[in-house]
Protein backbone atom coordinates (compact mmCIF):
# COMPACT_ATOMS: atom_id res chain seq x y z
CA UNK A 1 -6.36 -13.00 -15.65
CA UNK A 2 -7.51 -16.36 -14.33
CA UNK A 3 -6.06 -17.37 -10.99
CA UNK A 4 -4.06 -20.18 -12.59
CA UNK A 5 -2.18 -17.57 -14.62
CA UNK A 6 -1.09 -15.62 -11.53
CA UNK A 7 2.30 -16.36 -10.01
CA UNK A 8 2.93 -15.57 -6.34
CA UNK A 9 6.07 -15.69 -4.21
CA UNK A 10 5.21 -16.10 -0.53
CA UNK A 11 7.94 -15.83 2.10
CA UNK A 12 7.36 -17.15 5.59
CA UNK A 13 4.94 -19.70 4.14
CA UNK A 14 5.73 -22.47 6.63
CA UNK A 15 3.83 -20.93 9.55
CA UNK A 16 1.25 -18.43 10.70
CA UNK A 17 -0.09 -15.82 8.34
CA UNK A 18 2.14 -16.86 5.45
CA UNK A 19 0.96 -20.47 5.71
CA UNK A 20 -2.69 -19.38 5.80
CA UNK A 21 -2.29 -17.13 2.75
CA UNK A 22 -0.52 -19.90 0.86
CA UNK A 23 -3.22 -22.43 1.77
CA UNK A 24 -6.00 -20.11 0.56
CA UNK A 25 -4.31 -19.11 -2.70
CA UNK A 26 -3.35 -22.72 -3.34
CA UNK A 27 -7.00 -23.76 -3.05
CA UNK A 28 -7.92 -21.02 -5.53
CA UNK A 29 -5.44 -22.25 -8.12
CA UNK A 30 -2.74 -19.57 -7.98
CA UNK A 31 0.75 -20.69 -8.97
CA UNK A 32 2.78 -20.45 -5.78
CA UNK A 33 6.47 -20.36 -4.96
CA UNK A 34 6.66 -21.02 -1.23
CA UNK A 35 9.62 -20.01 0.90
CA UNK A 36 10.16 -20.97 4.52
CA UNK A 37 12.57 -22.67 6.88
CA UNK A 38 10.46 -25.76 7.65
CA UNK A 39 10.26 -28.06 4.67
CA UNK A 40 7.80 -30.39 6.39
CA UNK A 41 5.25 -27.59 6.81
CA UNK A 42 5.74 -26.37 3.26
CA UNK A 43 5.19 -29.91 2.01
CA UNK A 44 1.72 -29.85 3.57
CA UNK A 45 0.88 -27.26 0.91
CA UNK A 46 2.32 -29.23 -2.00
CA UNK A 47 0.03 -29.45 -5.03
CA UNK A 48 0.13 -29.16 -8.80
CA UNK A 49 0.15 -25.39 -8.32
CA UNK A 50 3.10 -25.08 -5.92
CA UNK A 51 6.88 -24.94 -5.95
CA UNK A 52 8.33 -25.75 -2.53
CA UNK A 53 11.64 -23.94 -2.00
CA UNK A 54 12.70 -24.28 1.66
CA UNK A 55 15.64 -22.17 2.75
CA UNK A 56 17.02 -19.33 4.83
CA UNK A 57 15.71 -15.99 3.58
CA UNK A 58 18.72 -14.27 5.15
CA UNK A 59 20.92 -16.01 2.58
CA UNK A 60 21.54 -13.80 -0.44
CA UNK A 61 22.34 -16.92 -2.49
CA UNK A 62 18.95 -18.37 -1.60
CA UNK A 63 17.16 -15.17 -2.60
CA UNK A 64 19.03 -15.12 -5.91
CA UNK A 65 18.09 -18.77 -6.47
CA UNK A 66 14.39 -18.06 -5.88
CA UNK A 67 14.40 -15.11 -8.25
CA UNK A 68 16.16 -17.06 -10.99
CA UNK A 69 13.86 -20.05 -10.52
CA UNK A 70 10.70 -17.96 -10.83
CA UNK A 71 11.73 -16.14 -13.97
CA UNK A 72 13.28 -19.15 -15.66
CA UNK A 73 10.22 -21.33 -15.02
CA UNK A 74 7.36 -18.83 -15.26
CA UNK A 75 8.85 -15.77 -16.94
CA UNK A 76 6.99 -13.45 -14.59
CA UNK A 77 5.72 -12.90 -11.06
CA UNK A 78 2.47 -11.15 -10.20
CA UNK A 79 2.63 -10.96 -6.40
CA UNK A 80 5.26 -10.90 -3.67
CA UNK A 81 3.88 -11.59 -0.20
CA UNK A 82 6.47 -10.60 2.43
CA UNK A 83 5.27 -12.68 5.38
CA UNK A 84 8.59 -13.86 6.84
CA UNK A 85 9.39 -12.35 10.21
CA UNK A 86 10.15 -12.99 13.85
CA UNK A 87 9.23 -11.27 17.09
CA UNK A 88 11.68 -10.57 19.90
CA UNK A 89 10.68 -8.35 22.80
CA UNK A 90 11.82 -7.82 26.36
CA UNK A 91 13.00 -5.34 28.91
CA UNK A 92 16.46 -3.84 28.69
CA UNK A 93 17.69 -6.39 31.23
CA UNK A 94 15.95 -9.41 29.70
CA UNK A 95 16.02 -9.05 25.92
CA UNK A 96 18.22 -11.46 23.98
CA UNK A 97 20.38 -9.12 21.92
CA UNK A 98 21.49 -11.81 19.47
CA UNK A 99 17.89 -12.83 18.76
CA UNK A 100 16.93 -9.16 18.49
CA UNK A 101 19.57 -8.44 15.86
CA UNK A 102 18.62 -11.64 13.97
CA UNK A 103 15.04 -10.34 13.94
CA UNK A 104 16.20 -7.03 12.51
CA UNK A 105 18.10 -8.81 9.77
CA UNK A 106 15.11 -10.93 8.74
CA UNK A 107 12.34 -8.37 9.22
CA UNK A 108 14.24 -5.49 7.60
CA UNK A 109 17.34 -6.46 5.64
CA UNK A 110 15.96 -9.59 3.97
CA UNK A 111 12.55 -8.02 3.34
CA UNK A 112 14.14 -4.96 1.78
CA UNK A 113 16.47 -7.01 -0.39
CA UNK A 114 13.83 -9.36 -1.81
CA UNK A 115 11.49 -6.41 -2.35
CA UNK A 116 14.01 -4.46 -4.41
CA UNK A 117 15.00 -7.57 -6.38
CA UNK A 118 11.41 -8.28 -7.31
CA UNK A 119 10.58 -4.63 -7.98
CA UNK A 120 13.32 -4.49 -10.60
CA UNK A 121 11.62 -7.46 -12.24
CA UNK A 122 8.19 -5.87 -11.85
CA UNK A 123 9.40 -2.70 -13.56
CA UNK A 124 10.81 -4.72 -16.43
CA UNK A 125 7.54 -6.64 -16.90
CA UNK A 126 5.39 -3.55 -16.31
CA UNK A 127 3.24 -4.75 -13.39
CA UNK A 128 3.31 -6.46 -10.02
CA UNK A 129 2.13 -6.11 -6.45
CA UNK A 130 3.99 -6.38 -3.14
CA UNK A 131 1.88 -7.11 -0.08
CA UNK A 132 3.80 -6.67 3.17
CA UNK A 133 2.59 -8.18 6.42
CA UNK A 134 3.37 -5.30 8.76
CA UNK A 135 1.78 -4.74 12.16
CA UNK A 136 -0.16 -2.18 14.14
CA UNK A 137 3.25 -1.75 15.80
CA UNK A 138 4.45 -0.40 12.49
CA UNK A 139 2.49 2.71 13.44
CA UNK A 140 2.73 2.76 17.25
CA UNK A 141 5.10 1.61 19.97
CA UNK A 142 4.83 0.10 23.42
CA UNK A 143 7.38 -0.57 26.16
CA UNK A 144 9.64 -3.62 25.63
CA UNK A 145 8.64 -3.93 21.95
CA UNK A 146 10.64 -1.04 20.52
CA UNK A 147 13.00 -3.15 18.42
CA UNK A 148 10.16 -5.14 16.84
CA UNK A 149 8.17 -1.96 16.23
CA UNK A 150 11.25 -0.39 14.64
CA UNK A 151 11.44 -3.23 12.10
CA UNK A 152 7.81 -2.71 11.14
CA UNK A 153 8.21 1.09 11.05
CA UNK A 154 11.05 0.46 8.59
CA UNK A 155 8.82 -1.68 6.38
CA UNK A 156 6.10 0.97 6.51
CA UNK A 157 8.55 3.74 5.57
CA UNK A 158 9.95 1.78 2.65
CA UNK A 159 6.48 0.83 1.44
CA UNK A 160 5.27 4.42 1.46
CA UNK A 161 8.35 5.68 -0.36
CA UNK A 162 8.04 2.94 -2.96
CA UNK A 163 4.33 3.64 -3.41
CA UNK A 164 5.15 7.26 -4.18
CA UNK A 165 8.00 6.31 -6.51
CA UNK A 166 5.72 3.91 -8.38
CA UNK A 167 2.73 6.24 -8.53
CA UNK A 168 1.15 6.19 -11.97
CA UNK A 169 2.49 2.72 -12.81
CA UNK A 170 0.87 -0.70 -12.67
CA UNK A 171 3.05 -1.71 -9.72
CA UNK A 172 1.50 -1.62 -6.27
CA UNK A 173 2.74 -1.81 -2.68
CA UNK A 174 0.35 -2.55 0.18
CA UNK A 175 0.82 -3.06 3.92
CA UNK A 176 -1.52 -5.07 6.10
CA UNK A 177 -1.25 -3.93 9.73
CA UNK A 178 -2.78 -6.53 12.05
CA UNK A 179 -3.29 -6.21 15.76
CA UNK A 180 -2.90 -9.32 17.87
CA UNK A 181 -3.22 -12.47 15.74
CA UNK A 182 -3.17 -16.02 17.10
CA UNK A 183 -0.04 -17.53 15.56
CA UNK A 184 3.09 -19.34 16.77
CA UNK A 185 4.91 -16.07 17.42
CA UNK A 186 3.80 -16.03 21.06
CA UNK A 187 3.94 -19.77 21.80
CA UNK A 188 6.97 -19.50 24.11
CA UNK A 189 5.75 -16.46 26.06
CA UNK A 190 5.14 -17.00 29.78
CA UNK A 191 2.03 -14.82 29.55
CA UNK A 192 0.23 -14.67 26.22
CA UNK A 193 -0.55 -11.12 25.01
CA UNK A 194 -4.27 -11.88 24.91
CA UNK A 195 -4.07 -12.25 28.69
CA UNK A 196 -1.76 -9.33 29.44
CA UNK A 197 -3.64 -7.03 27.04
CA UNK A 198 -7.09 -8.41 27.98
CA UNK A 199 -8.03 -9.24 24.39
CA UNK A 200 -10.79 -11.80 24.67
CA UNK A 201 -11.01 -12.57 20.97
CA UNK A 202 -7.77 -11.98 19.06
CA UNK A 203 -7.67 -12.05 15.29
CA UNK A 204 -7.10 -15.36 13.56
CA UNK A 205 -5.11 -15.98 10.41
CA UNK A 206 -8.24 -16.22 8.28
CA UNK A 207 -9.03 -12.60 9.17
CA UNK A 208 -5.76 -11.66 7.51
CA UNK A 209 -6.51 -13.89 4.52
CA UNK A 210 -9.79 -12.01 4.10
CA UNK A 211 -7.87 -8.73 4.12
CA UNK A 212 -5.57 -10.10 1.41
CA UNK A 213 -8.53 -10.99 -0.77
CA UNK A 214 -10.02 -7.54 -0.23
CA UNK A 215 -6.83 -6.01 -1.61
CA UNK A 216 -6.58 -8.48 -4.49
CA UNK A 217 -10.16 -7.85 -5.61
CA UNK A 218 -9.76 -4.08 -6.07
CA UNK A 219 -10.01 -2.72 -9.64
CA UNK A 220 -6.79 -1.66 -11.34
CA UNK A 221 -7.19 2.06 -10.65
CA UNK A 222 -7.57 1.56 -6.87
CA UNK A 223 -4.62 1.52 -4.46
CA UNK A 224 -4.70 0.21 -0.87
CA UNK A 225 -1.44 1.45 0.67
CA UNK A 226 -2.38 0.46 4.23
CA UNK A 227 -5.04 -1.72 5.81
CA UNK A 228 -5.12 -1.91 9.61
CA UNK A 229 -7.08 -4.71 11.24
CA UNK A 230 -7.64 -4.87 15.00
CA UNK A 231 -9.58 -7.14 17.33
CA UNK A 232 -12.37 -5.26 19.08
CA UNK A 233 -10.67 -5.40 22.51
CA UNK A 234 -7.29 -4.16 21.30
CA UNK A 235 -6.56 -0.89 23.13
CA UNK A 236 -3.59 0.72 21.41
């Protein structure tokens, strides 16, 4: 199909990796439904190809609204990009438990719910592709980041199980597993991870966009369940 015939739902599109993916696909003429908390950032991406739907992904009513909007307006969806997520780390003494549990709800509960909702639609239409923005910490752990890693391990486990369940169909599930990427996730940290981990040249969001395009350009018989991308100095 031509790009203008492809419909994509992107969560977490108002910042970081989600914003970069939305910007790139927007420029290439994909039809986009953009979800995020910050309407002003989403509006920067407004074009003839985009629907701007700001809201709280943890709201089940909001998720239902997005699903209904997509299928009433377009009658289909080709791609779900699960980019929404937060990062909360800290020692046992320092971690904010309320922020940690809010992270678990967004990274796991909301991601799982929207994935299953869209997969039911994908099965009915006979095709579709979920691309999850996971993390290298979906495969490994480090001290103080166990809760965050657990959310990404959960996404990885679900993705693998779904891939197996959907084997032989035209529905795909892929995980991109970045190492350290320069985004807003670390803006409030006293010491940035690139300093504490001695990573001179972290990844940038365009590196992840390139990984997305690599997955999208594969022929129909090829599956990319996992794609890990690390900066050269990332020792993990």
